Amino acid sequence: MGEKVILVRIETSPEDIGGMHVAQGILTARGGMTSHAAVVARGMGKPCVSGAGDIKVDYKDKVLRAFGVVVAEGDVVTIDGATGEVMRGAVATIQPRLTGDFARLMKWVDEIRTLGVRANAETPEDARTARRFGAEGIGLSRTEHMFFEPERIVHMREMILARDETARRAALAKLLPYQRADFVELFKIMEGLPITIRLLDPPLNEFLPHRDAEIAEVAAAAGADLNTVRARALDLDEANPMLGHRGCRLGVTYPEIYEMQARAIFEAAAVAAKGGVKVRPEIMIPLVGVKRELDLMKVVVDRAAAEVAKQTGVKTRYKIGTMIELPRAALRAGEIAETAEFFSFGTNDLTQTTYGLSRDDAGYFLTQYLERGVIESDPFITLDRDGVGELMRIGTARGRAARPGLKVGICGEHGGDPASVRFCQEVGLDYVSCSPFRVPIAKLAAAQAALDGLGPKPARKTKHRKRRSRP
């Protein structure tokens, strides 16, 4: 207990979230800047070396190998998330300090910038960190991360293993109190600032184990036959899950999942409101490519809102929008905006689907592309203005033409990259959202872009701060 550890994996998945929380840092053999490991680690403020392709991770012997060197479990290593270095032994480190000069600089920055800056957060710790760094709300709350605590994952797996809707609803009813409590806490911490809550996004197989020992544990906990669990895991296994049964496709297939999440949001909003806390939920439907998908999910959310209002006597004002992460969604943004009250560009997946690249597998050859001048920068680190950026311009223009004043933001990891923030200012987005620890960087980049006179003014300014004239 109390020992400092670094989590070493071939690649991480949401199932590793518990280990990532207790680790000092994360090291993976596969991945890149926007892989699961890198994204989650940034949100936690932890160093991560992702995509160290020369390292071979051996789970059986609990060692990693590279260049003839073998590092076993219990050996000491140091990782540098900025340079990607993995060093044997303990290397002296220092803790960064935020001085009074930093606070003064951020005050000037807030007086100058016109672009809002939110944070990606779903845990109380992340939300408090976001507030501490001056985030003006939550631009992405990933609800799937709320299901991996030991007392919750068993009910999630019960839901996945259920044979019919009745059994799924019974399992979901056990999850609802946990989700409701999470949202109550987030509403209290954010104190009236907007919170964009993304409903369940990843494919269901990410919640099931794949090793025999773990499958046996799931079967015992869920009261299911071992072969049944194994067969269900095989049924859910997909050749390309990133383009598979996930996002709103889950909601269309199993609307009771999104219904439970919507009820949890509105019940939490009622609890918070009765406690004197103003709430501003923005419910985001992920991976919409066809307007009808969003229409169907809006019916589910609106019905849950009406039922909770009737039961609690509290009517919550909310918005329903979508994450634009498919090229088709950007091109058909005009018709999607007829239903959506806000857009949030999910540029991690929009980059994947525009380029046809896997963010977890492309790291090796992208390095060679950079060295040979095929591309100027890694598109998963800095927005590709000509391709992904053009889709963003199209989506923003067509969306606002259909719905004047449409709020448009970005919640991909590009929201914390200075060059990408400048582009968002040029396009005229309302806000960027990034990991909590990158909020100051995003604010500074936004202020510099405003001073340079880039882009049109956003359709709406954030209401939580007073603006002064530019010095």
Protein backbone atom coordinates (compact mmCIF):
# COMPACT_ATOMS: atom_id res chain seq x y z
CA MET A 1 0.00 0.00 0.00
CA GLY A 2 1.24 3.49 -0.80
CA GLU A 3 3.81 2.20 -3.28
CA LYS A 4 4.32 4.31 -6.41
CA VAL A 5 3.63 2.36 -9.60
CA ILE A 6 3.58 2.90 -13.35
CA LEU A 7 0.90 1.05 -15.29
CA VAL A 8 2.40 -0.77 -18.28
CA ARG A 9 0.02 -2.13 -20.93
CA ILE A 10 0.11 -3.05 -24.60
CA GLU A 11 -2.79 -0.60 -24.88
CA THR A 12 -5.34 0.59 -22.36
CA SER A 13 -9.12 0.38 -22.45
CA PRO A 14 -11.81 1.89 -20.23
CA GLU A 15 -11.55 -1.28 -18.12
CA ASP A 16 -8.10 -0.09 -16.97
CA ILE A 17 -9.46 3.12 -15.47
CA GLY A 18 -9.02 1.89 -11.89
CA GLY A 19 -5.35 1.11 -12.45
CA MET A 20 -4.83 4.42 -14.20
CA HIS A 21 -6.24 6.28 -11.21
CA VAL A 22 -3.76 4.75 -8.75
CA ALA A 23 -0.73 4.81 -11.07
CA GLN A 24 1.80 7.63 -11.13
CA GLY A 25 2.04 7.34 -14.89
CA ILE A 26 1.10 5.15 -17.86
CA LEU A 27 3.28 3.43 -20.47
CA THR A 28 1.80 1.66 -23.51
CA ALA A 29 3.32 -0.08 -26.52
CA ARG A 30 0.50 0.99 -28.83
CA GLY A 31 -1.33 4.27 -29.25
CA GLY A 32 -0.66 7.92 -29.86
CA MET A 33 -1.52 11.41 -28.65
CA THR A 34 -5.26 10.74 -28.81
CA SER A 35 -5.29 7.09 -27.76
CA HIS A 36 -7.31 6.09 -24.71
CA ALA A 37 -4.22 6.08 -22.48
CA ALA A 38 -3.04 9.53 -23.57
CA VAL A 39 -6.46 11.18 -23.38
CA VAL A 40 -7.30 9.82 -19.93
CA ALA A 41 -3.80 10.51 -18.56
CA ARG A 42 -3.97 14.15 -19.68
CA GLY A 43 -7.30 14.50 -17.96
CA MET A 44 -5.76 13.16 -14.76
CA GLY A 45 -2.66 15.31 -15.08
CA LYS A 46 -0.43 12.23 -15.21
CA PRO A 47 2.57 11.57 -17.46
CA CYS A 48 1.97 9.09 -20.26
CA VAL A 49 4.22 7.55 -22.89
CA SER A 50 1.85 6.07 -25.45
CA GLY A 51 2.87 4.19 -28.58
CA ALA A 52 6.38 3.10 -27.50
CA GLY A 53 6.53 0.61 -30.37
CA ASP A 54 10.00 -0.74 -29.53
CA ILE A 55 8.75 -2.03 -26.19
CA LYS A 56 7.30 -5.53 -26.00
CA VAL A 57 5.00 -6.10 -23.04
CA ASP A 58 4.81 -9.69 -21.73
CA TYR A 59 1.78 -10.07 -19.44
CA LYS A 60 2.56 -13.71 -18.63
CA ASP A 61 6.06 -13.10 -17.26
CA LYS A 62 5.23 -9.53 -16.14
CA VAL A 63 8.17 -7.95 -17.94
CA LEU A 64 8.79 -5.49 -20.73
CA ARG A 65 11.59 -5.88 -23.24
CA ALA A 66 13.33 -3.35 -25.46
CA PHE A 67 16.71 -3.36 -27.23
CA GLY A 68 17.84 -6.44 -25.31
CA VAL A 69 16.95 -4.90 -21.94
CA VAL A 70 14.45 -6.67 -19.69
CA VAL A 71 12.53 -4.73 -17.03
CA ALA A 72 10.56 -6.83 -14.59
CA GLU A 73 7.65 -6.05 -12.30
CA GLY A 74 9.06 -4.26 -9.26
CA ASP A 75 11.97 -2.63 -11.13
CA VAL A 76 12.16 1.16 -11.04
CA VAL A 77 11.67 3.20 -14.23
CA THR A 78 11.03 6.88 -14.90
CA ILE A 79 8.90 8.15 -17.79
CA ASP A 80 8.79 11.59 -19.37
CA GLY A 81 5.40 12.24 -20.94
CA ALA A 82 6.70 15.31 -22.79
CA THR A 83 9.63 13.66 -24.58
CA GLY A 84 8.37 10.07 -24.64
CA GLU A 85 11.49 8.80 -22.87
CA VAL A 86 11.49 5.68 -20.68
CA MET A 87 14.51 5.57 -18.35
CA ARG A 88 15.74 2.85 -16.04
CA GLY A 89 15.99 3.83 -12.41
CA ALA A 90 14.73 6.84 -10.51
CA VAL A 91 15.34 10.26 -12.08
CA ALA A 92 15.00 13.35 -9.90
CA THR A 93 11.82 15.35 -10.56
CA ILE A 94 10.29 18.58 -9.29
CA GLN A 95 6.66 19.62 -8.84
CA PRO A 96 5.49 22.62 -10.90
CA ARG A 97 4.26 25.64 -8.93
CA LEU A 98 1.70 28.23 -9.92
CA THR A 99 2.96 31.62 -8.77
CA GLY A 100 1.23 34.95 -8.35
CA ASP A 101 2.59 35.97 -11.76
CA PHE A 102 0.63 33.10 -13.31
CA ALA A 103 -2.63 34.36 -11.79
CA ARG A 104 -1.90 37.89 -13.03
CA LEU A 105 -1.19 36.62 -16.54
CA MET A 106 -4.41 34.59 -16.59
CA LYS A 107 -6.36 37.69 -15.54
CA TRP A 108 -4.99 39.59 -18.53
CA VAL A 109 -5.73 36.63 -20.77
CA ASP A 110 -9.36 36.51 -19.64
CA GLU A 111 -9.77 40.22 -20.36
CA ILE A 112 -8.54 39.80 -23.93
CA ARG A 113 -9.87 36.52 -25.30
CA THR A 114 -13.31 36.09 -26.89
CA LEU A 115 -13.23 32.31 -27.24
CA GLY A 116 -14.67 30.33 -24.32
CA VAL A 117 -12.60 27.59 -22.70
CA ARG A 118 -14.15 24.56 -21.03
CA ALA A 119 -12.68 21.31 -19.73
CA ASN A 120 -13.26 17.63 -20.41
CA ALA A 121 -14.19 16.12 -17.03
CA GLU A 122 -16.42 13.48 -15.51
CA THR A 123 -15.06 12.87 -12.01
CA PRO A 124 -15.33 15.28 -9.06
CA GLU A 125 -11.53 15.53 -8.97
CA ASP A 126 -11.38 16.44 -12.66
CA ALA A 127 -14.18 19.00 -12.24
CA ARG A 128 -12.49 20.67 -9.27
CA THR A 129 -9.21 20.80 -11.18
CA ALA A 130 -11.02 22.37 -14.11
CA ARG A 131 -12.51 25.06 -11.87
CA ARG A 132 -9.13 25.70 -10.25
CA PHE A 133 -7.62 26.40 -13.67
CA GLY A 134 -10.52 28.68 -14.65
CA ALA A 135 -12.59 26.47 -16.96
CA GLU A 136 -15.94 28.03 -17.86
CA GLY A 137 -17.84 24.77 -17.80
CA ILE A 138 -17.48 21.16 -18.88
CA GLY A 139 -17.37 20.65 -22.63
CA LEU A 140 -17.29 16.85 -22.46
CA SER A 141 -18.33 14.53 -19.65
CA ARG A 142 -17.74 10.94 -20.79
CA THR A 143 -20.37 8.90 -18.95
CA GLU A 144 -18.78 5.55 -19.78
CA HIS A 145 -15.98 6.31 -17.32
CA MET A 146 -18.57 6.29 -14.54
CA PHE A 147 -19.31 2.59 -14.98
CA PHE A 148 -15.97 1.00 -14.17
CA GLU A 149 -15.93 1.11 -10.39
CA PRO A 150 -16.15 -2.48 -9.00
CA GLU A 151 -19.65 -2.05 -7.56
CA ARG A 152 -20.89 -0.64 -10.87
CA ILE A 153 -19.21 -2.76 -13.51
CA VAL A 154 -21.03 -5.88 -12.31
CA HIS A 155 -24.40 -4.26 -13.04
CA MET A 156 -23.15 -2.96 -16.38
CA ARG A 157 -22.17 -6.49 -17.29
CA GLU A 158 -25.53 -7.78 -16.10
CA MET A 159 -27.13 -5.38 -18.54
CA ILE A 160 -24.89 -6.52 -21.39
CA LEU A 161 -25.56 -10.20 -20.65
CA ALA A 162 -29.33 -9.69 -20.37
CA ARG A 163 -31.38 -11.72 -22.85
CA ASP A 164 -34.27 -9.28 -23.20
CA GLU A 165 -35.35 -5.70 -22.53
CA THR A 166 -36.93 -6.53 -19.17
CA ALA A 167 -33.66 -7.95 -17.86
CA ARG A 168 -31.71 -5.00 -19.29
CA ARG A 169 -33.99 -2.53 -17.57
CA ALA A 170 -33.58 -4.38 -14.26
CA ALA A 171 -29.80 -4.06 -14.50
CA LEU A 172 -30.00 -0.43 -15.62
CA ALA A 173 -32.20 0.36 -12.61
CA LYS A 174 -29.27 -0.70 -10.40
CA LEU A 175 -26.93 1.66 -12.27
CA LEU A 176 -29.21 4.70 -12.19
CA PRO A 177 -28.53 5.71 -8.55
CA TYR A 178 -24.78 5.75 -9.21
CA GLN A 179 -25.16 7.93 -12.32
CA ARG A 180 -27.55 10.25 -10.50
CA ALA A 181 -25.12 10.71 -7.61
CA ASP A 182 -22.27 11.44 -10.04
CA PHE A 183 -24.28 14.14 -11.81
CA VAL A 184 -25.43 15.72 -8.54
CA GLU A 185 -21.78 16.10 -7.54
CA LEU A 186 -20.81 17.58 -10.91
CA PHE A 187 -23.69 20.07 -10.81
CA LYS A 188 -22.66 21.21 -7.32
CA ILE A 189 -19.01 21.63 -8.25
CA MET A 190 -19.70 23.54 -11.46
CA GLU A 191 -22.20 25.88 -9.72
CA GLY A 192 -24.36 26.79 -12.69
CA LEU A 193 -21.70 26.56 -15.39
CA PRO A 194 -22.73 24.58 -18.47
CA ILE A 195 -22.02 20.83 -18.48
CA THR A 196 -22.09 18.89 -21.75
CA ILE A 197 -22.86 15.28 -20.90
CA ARG A 198 -22.16 12.70 -23.60
CA LEU A 199 -24.37 9.65 -23.37
CA LEU A 200 -22.79 6.19 -23.64
CA ASP A 201 -20.35 6.04 -26.55
CA PRO A 202 -18.00 2.98 -26.60
CA PRO A 203 -19.03 -0.45 -27.87
CA LEU A 204 -20.35 -2.80 -25.18
CA ASN A 205 -17.51 -5.31 -25.56
CA GLU A 206 -15.20 -2.81 -23.85
CA PHE A 207 -17.05 -3.54 -20.61
CA LEU A 208 -16.49 -7.30 -20.83
CA PRO A 209 -13.21 -9.07 -20.00
CA HIS A 210 -11.47 -11.28 -22.55
CA ARG A 211 -9.22 -13.50 -20.43
CA ASP A 212 -10.62 -16.78 -19.08
CA ALA A 213 -9.96 -16.00 -15.43
CA GLU A 214 -11.76 -12.66 -15.68
CA ILE A 215 -14.62 -14.20 -17.67
CA ALA A 216 -15.08 -16.73 -14.87
CA GLU A 217 -15.26 -13.88 -12.33
CA VAL A 218 -17.90 -12.10 -14.39
CA ALA A 219 -19.95 -15.26 -14.74
CA ALA A 220 -19.85 -15.86 -10.98
CA ALA A 221 -20.73 -12.24 -10.14
CA ALA A 222 -23.56 -12.07 -12.67
CA GLY A 223 -24.89 -15.52 -11.84
CA ALA A 224 -24.41 -16.60 -15.44
CA ASP A 225 -22.98 -19.67 -17.09
CA LEU A 226 -19.31 -19.40 -18.10
CA ASN A 227 -20.06 -20.39 -21.71
CA THR A 228 -22.84 -17.82 -21.88
CA VAL A 229 -20.47 -15.03 -20.91
CA ARG A 230 -17.83 -16.25 -23.33
CA ALA A 231 -20.37 -16.49 -26.16
CA ARG A 232 -21.70 -12.99 -25.46
CA ALA A 233 -18.18 -11.57 -25.52
CA LEU A 234 -17.62 -13.22 -28.90
CA ASP A 235 -20.96 -11.89 -30.19
CA LEU A 236 -19.95 -8.34 -29.28
CA ASP A 237 -16.41 -8.61 -30.64
CA GLU A 238 -15.98 -6.45 -33.75
CA ALA A 239 -13.28 -6.28 -36.39
CA ASN A 240 -13.34 -2.47 -36.30
CA PRO A 241 -15.21 -1.33 -33.17
CA MET A 242 -14.40 2.34 -33.76
CA LEU A 243 -16.74 2.16 -36.76
CA GLY A 244 -19.07 -0.40 -35.24
CA HIS A 245 -21.96 -0.68 -32.81
CA ARG A 246 -21.30 2.33 -30.61
CA GLY A 247 -22.54 5.84 -29.90
CA CYS A 248 -26.10 6.63 -30.91
CA ARG A 249 -26.24 3.25 -32.64
CA LEU A 250 -26.39 1.71 -29.17
CA GLY A 251 -29.14 4.15 -28.26
CA VAL A 252 -31.19 3.27 -31.33
CA THR A 253 -30.77 -0.46 -30.66
CA TYR A 254 -31.20 -0.27 -26.88
CA PRO A 255 -33.02 3.01 -26.16
CA GLU A 256 -33.45 1.99 -22.51
CA ILE A 257 -29.72 2.71 -21.96
CA TYR A 258 -30.05 6.36 -22.97
CA GLU A 259 -33.38 6.55 -21.15
CA MET A 260 -31.69 5.54 -17.89
CA GLN A 261 -28.90 8.06 -18.38
CA ALA A 262 -31.33 10.86 -19.21
CA ARG A 263 -33.41 10.06 -16.12
CA ALA A 264 -30.26 10.14 -13.99
CA ILE A 265 -29.36 13.56 -15.39
CA PHE A 266 -32.80 15.07 -14.77
CA GLU A 267 -33.22 13.49 -11.34
CA ALA A 268 -29.81 14.86 -10.38
CA ALA A 269 -30.77 18.27 -11.75
CA ALA A 270 -33.91 18.21 -9.58
CA VAL A 271 -31.90 17.30 -6.48
CA ALA A 272 -29.38 20.05 -7.19
CA ALA A 273 -32.09 22.62 -7.94
CA LYS A 274 -33.88 21.86 -4.67
CA GLY A 275 -30.55 22.47 -2.95
CA GLY A 276 -30.29 25.91 -4.51
CA VAL A 277 -27.82 24.96 -7.25
CA LYS A 278 -28.46 26.23 -10.76
CA VAL A 279 -27.96 23.55 -13.39
CA ARG A 280 -27.29 23.88 -17.11
CA PRO A 281 -27.14 20.38 -18.64
CA GLU A 282 -26.36 19.99 -22.33
CA ILE A 283 -27.08 16.42 -23.39
CA MET A 284 -24.89 15.25 -26.25
CA ILE A 285 -25.79 12.32 -28.50
CA PRO A 286 -22.56 10.80 -29.91
CA LEU A 287 -21.70 9.61 -33.41
CA VAL A 288 -24.77 10.96 -35.20
CA GLY A 289 -24.46 10.66 -38.96
CA VAL A 290 -28.13 10.69 -39.92
CA LYS A 291 -30.69 13.21 -38.63
CA ARG A 292 -33.18 10.43 -37.87
CA GLU A 293 -30.76 8.99 -35.31
CA LEU A 294 -30.80 12.26 -33.39
CA ASP A 295 -34.58 12.60 -33.77
CA LEU A 296 -35.13 9.18 -32.18
CA MET A 297 -32.80 9.93 -29.27
CA LYS A 298 -34.38 13.35 -28.70
CA VAL A 299 -37.72 11.63 -28.16
CA VAL A 300 -36.13 9.39 -25.51
CA VAL A 301 -34.49 12.32 -23.71
CA ASP A 302 -37.53 14.59 -23.88
CA ARG A 303 -39.78 11.85 -22.53
CA ALA A 304 -37.45 11.21 -19.60
CA ALA A 305 -37.32 14.94 -18.85
CA ALA A 306 -41.12 15.20 -18.82
CA GLU A 307 -41.52 12.13 -16.58
CA VAL A 308 -38.96 13.35 -14.05
CA ALA A 309 -40.47 16.85 -14.02
CA LYS A 310 -43.87 15.35 -13.26
CA GLN A 311 -42.47 13.14 -10.48
CA THR A 312 -40.26 15.76 -8.81
CA GLY A 313 -42.10 18.97 -9.56
CA VAL A 314 -38.86 20.42 -10.96
CA LYS A 315 -38.67 21.34 -14.63
CA THR A 316 -35.10 21.49 -15.88
CA ARG A 317 -34.03 23.64 -18.80
CA TYR A 318 -31.67 21.70 -21.02
CA LYS A 319 -30.26 21.50 -24.52
CA ILE A 320 -29.91 18.50 -26.82
CA GLY A 321 -27.07 18.44 -29.30
CA THR A 322 -24.63 16.13 -30.97
CA MET A 323 -20.95 15.46 -31.39
CA ILE A 324 -19.89 16.00 -35.00
CA GLU A 325 -17.29 13.30 -35.55
CA LEU A 326 -18.23 11.85 -38.93
CA PRO A 327 -17.68 13.56 -42.32
CA ARG A 328 -21.31 12.90 -43.22
CA ALA A 329 -22.47 14.74 -40.12
CA ALA A 330 -20.40 17.79 -41.08
CA LEU A 331 -21.73 17.73 -44.64
CA ARG A 332 -25.36 17.28 -43.51
CA ALA A 333 -25.03 19.71 -40.62
CA GLY A 334 -27.85 21.88 -41.91
CA GLU A 335 -30.51 19.21 -41.52
CA ILE A 336 -28.99 17.88 -38.28
CA ALA A 337 -29.16 21.42 -36.82
CA GLU A 338 -32.91 21.38 -37.30
CA THR A 339 -32.94 19.09 -34.24
CA ALA A 340 -29.60 19.79 -32.54
CA GLU A 341 -29.36 22.88 -30.33
CA PHE A 342 -25.56 22.70 -30.23
CA PHE A 343 -22.67 21.05 -32.04
CA SER A 344 -19.43 19.85 -30.52
CA PHE A 345 -16.76 18.70 -32.94
CA GLY A 346 -15.19 15.47 -31.73
CA THR A 347 -11.99 15.99 -33.65
CA ASN A 348 -10.25 12.83 -32.41
CA ASP A 349 -12.70 10.63 -34.34
CA LEU A 350 -13.33 13.21 -37.06
CA THR A 351 -9.62 13.04 -37.85
CA GLN A 352 -9.72 9.24 -37.88
CA THR A 353 -12.74 9.07 -40.18
CA THR A 354 -11.51 11.83 -42.50
CA TYR A 355 -8.03 10.37 -42.95
CA GLY A 356 -9.04 6.71 -42.61
CA LEU A 357 -6.39 6.40 -39.90
CA SER A 358 -6.50 4.59 -36.57
CA ARG A 359 -5.19 6.84 -33.82
CA ASP A 360 -4.03 3.73 -31.93
CA ASP A 361 -2.11 2.14 -34.82
CA ALA A 362 -0.86 5.00 -37.00
CA GLY A 363 1.89 6.27 -34.69
CA TYR A 364 4.65 4.16 -36.22
CA PHE A 365 4.29 5.19 -39.86
CA LEU A 366 3.15 8.75 -39.12
CA THR A 367 6.65 9.32 -37.73
CA GLN A 368 8.07 8.37 -41.11
CA TYR A 369 5.49 10.55 -42.86
CA LEU A 370 6.70 13.50 -40.81
CA GLU A 371 10.37 12.72 -41.47
CA ARG A 372 9.77 12.46 -45.23
CA GLY A 373 7.61 15.56 -45.43
CA VAL A 374 4.44 13.76 -46.47
CA ILE A 375 2.58 15.70 -43.76
CA GLU A 376 3.66 18.81 -41.86
CA SER A 377 2.36 17.75 -38.45
CA ASP A 378 0.67 14.83 -36.73
CA PRO A 379 -3.05 15.39 -37.45
CA PHE A 380 -3.93 13.90 -34.07
CA ILE A 381 -1.90 16.59 -32.32
CA THR A 382 -2.59 19.65 -34.48
CA LEU A 383 -5.78 20.03 -36.50
CA ASP A 384 -5.51 19.34 -40.20
CA ARG A 385 -6.84 22.66 -41.51
CA ASP A 386 -7.22 21.58 -45.13
CA GLY A 387 -9.23 18.40 -44.56
CA VAL A 388 -10.69 18.13 -41.06
CA GLY A 389 -10.70 21.91 -40.75
CA GLU A 390 -12.63 22.31 -43.99
CA LEU A 391 -15.29 19.92 -42.69
CA MET A 392 -15.48 22.01 -39.53
CA ARG A 393 -15.97 25.18 -41.57
CA ILE A 394 -18.70 23.51 -43.62
CA GLY A 395 -20.43 22.04 -40.58
CA THR A 396 -20.38 25.31 -38.67
CA ALA A 397 -21.63 27.39 -41.60
CA ARG A 398 -24.40 24.98 -42.59
CA GLY A 399 -25.47 24.40 -38.99
CA ARG A 400 -25.76 28.11 -38.24
CA ALA A 401 -27.55 28.76 -41.52
CA ALA A 402 -30.24 26.31 -40.41
CA ARG A 403 -30.24 27.46 -36.78
CA PRO A 404 -28.95 31.03 -36.29
CA GLY A 405 -27.00 31.38 -33.06
CA LEU A 406 -26.19 27.65 -32.93
CA LYS A 407 -23.59 27.09 -30.19
CA VAL A 408 -20.57 25.32 -31.67
CA GLY A 409 -17.54 24.02 -29.80
CA ILE A 410 -14.79 21.45 -29.98
CA CYS A 411 -14.13 18.71 -27.43
CA GLY A 412 -11.37 16.68 -29.05
CA GLU A 413 -7.83 16.80 -27.70
CA HIS A 414 -7.07 19.50 -30.26
CA GLY A 415 -8.87 21.88 -27.88
CA GLY A 416 -5.67 22.15 -25.86
CA ASP A 417 -3.28 22.60 -28.80
CA PRO A 418 -2.38 26.29 -29.40
CA ALA A 419 -2.31 26.08 -33.20
CA SER A 420 -5.67 24.29 -33.22
CA VAL A 421 -7.16 26.85 -30.82
CA ARG A 422 -6.14 29.61 -33.25
CA PHE A 423 -7.97 27.76 -36.01
CA CYS A 424 -11.10 27.49 -33.85
CA GLN A 425 -10.96 31.26 -33.37
CA GLU A 426 -10.70 31.73 -37.15
CA VAL A 427 -13.74 29.51 -37.79
CA GLY A 428 -15.74 31.40 -35.19
CA LEU A 429 -16.43 28.65 -32.69
CA ASP A 430 -17.94 29.59 -29.34
CA TYR A 431 -15.58 27.55 -27.18
CA VAL A 432 -12.91 24.89 -27.03
CA SER A 433 -12.81 22.12 -24.44
CA CYS A 434 -9.68 20.29 -23.36
CA SER A 435 -8.18 18.34 -20.47
CA PRO A 436 -8.28 20.34 -17.19
CA PHE A 437 -4.52 20.79 -17.01
CA ARG A 438 -4.44 22.27 -20.53
CA VAL A 439 -7.03 24.97 -19.81
CA PRO A 440 -4.40 27.71 -19.19
CA ILE A 441 -2.66 26.86 -22.47
CA ALA A 442 -5.95 27.04 -24.36
CA LYS A 443 -6.80 30.36 -22.72
CA LEU A 444 -3.43 31.86 -23.62
CA ALA A 445 -3.72 30.69 -27.23
CA ALA A 446 -7.25 32.12 -27.44
CA ALA A 447 -6.03 35.49 -26.16
CA GLN A 448 -3.17 35.57 -28.65
CA ALA A 449 -5.59 34.74 -31.47
CA ALA A 450 -7.94 37.54 -30.37
CA LEU A 451 -5.06 40.02 -30.25
CA ASP A 452 -4.12 38.99 -33.78
CA GLY A 453 -7.67 39.78 -34.91
CA LEU A 454 -8.35 36.27 -36.17
CA GLY A 455 -11.79 35.16 -37.27
CA PRO A 456 -15.31 36.43 -36.75
CA LYS A 457 -16.64 37.03 -33.28
CA PRO A 458 -18.42 33.99 -31.81
CA ALA A 459 -22.21 33.94 -32.15
CA ARG A 460 -22.52 33.94 -28.37
CA LYS A 461 -20.14 35.07 -25.68
CA THR A 462 -19.86 33.13 -22.46
CA LYS A 463 -22.10 34.79 -19.90
CA HIS A 464 -19.94 33.98 -16.89
CA ARG A 465 -17.35 36.70 -17.23
CA LYS A 466 -17.32 40.38 -17.98
CA ARG A 467 -15.42 41.54 -21.01
CA ARG A 468 -13.27 44.59 -21.21
CA SER A 469 -12.22 46.40 -24.34
CA ARG A 470 -9.01 45.17 -25.87
CA PRO A 471 -6.00 47.13 -24.60
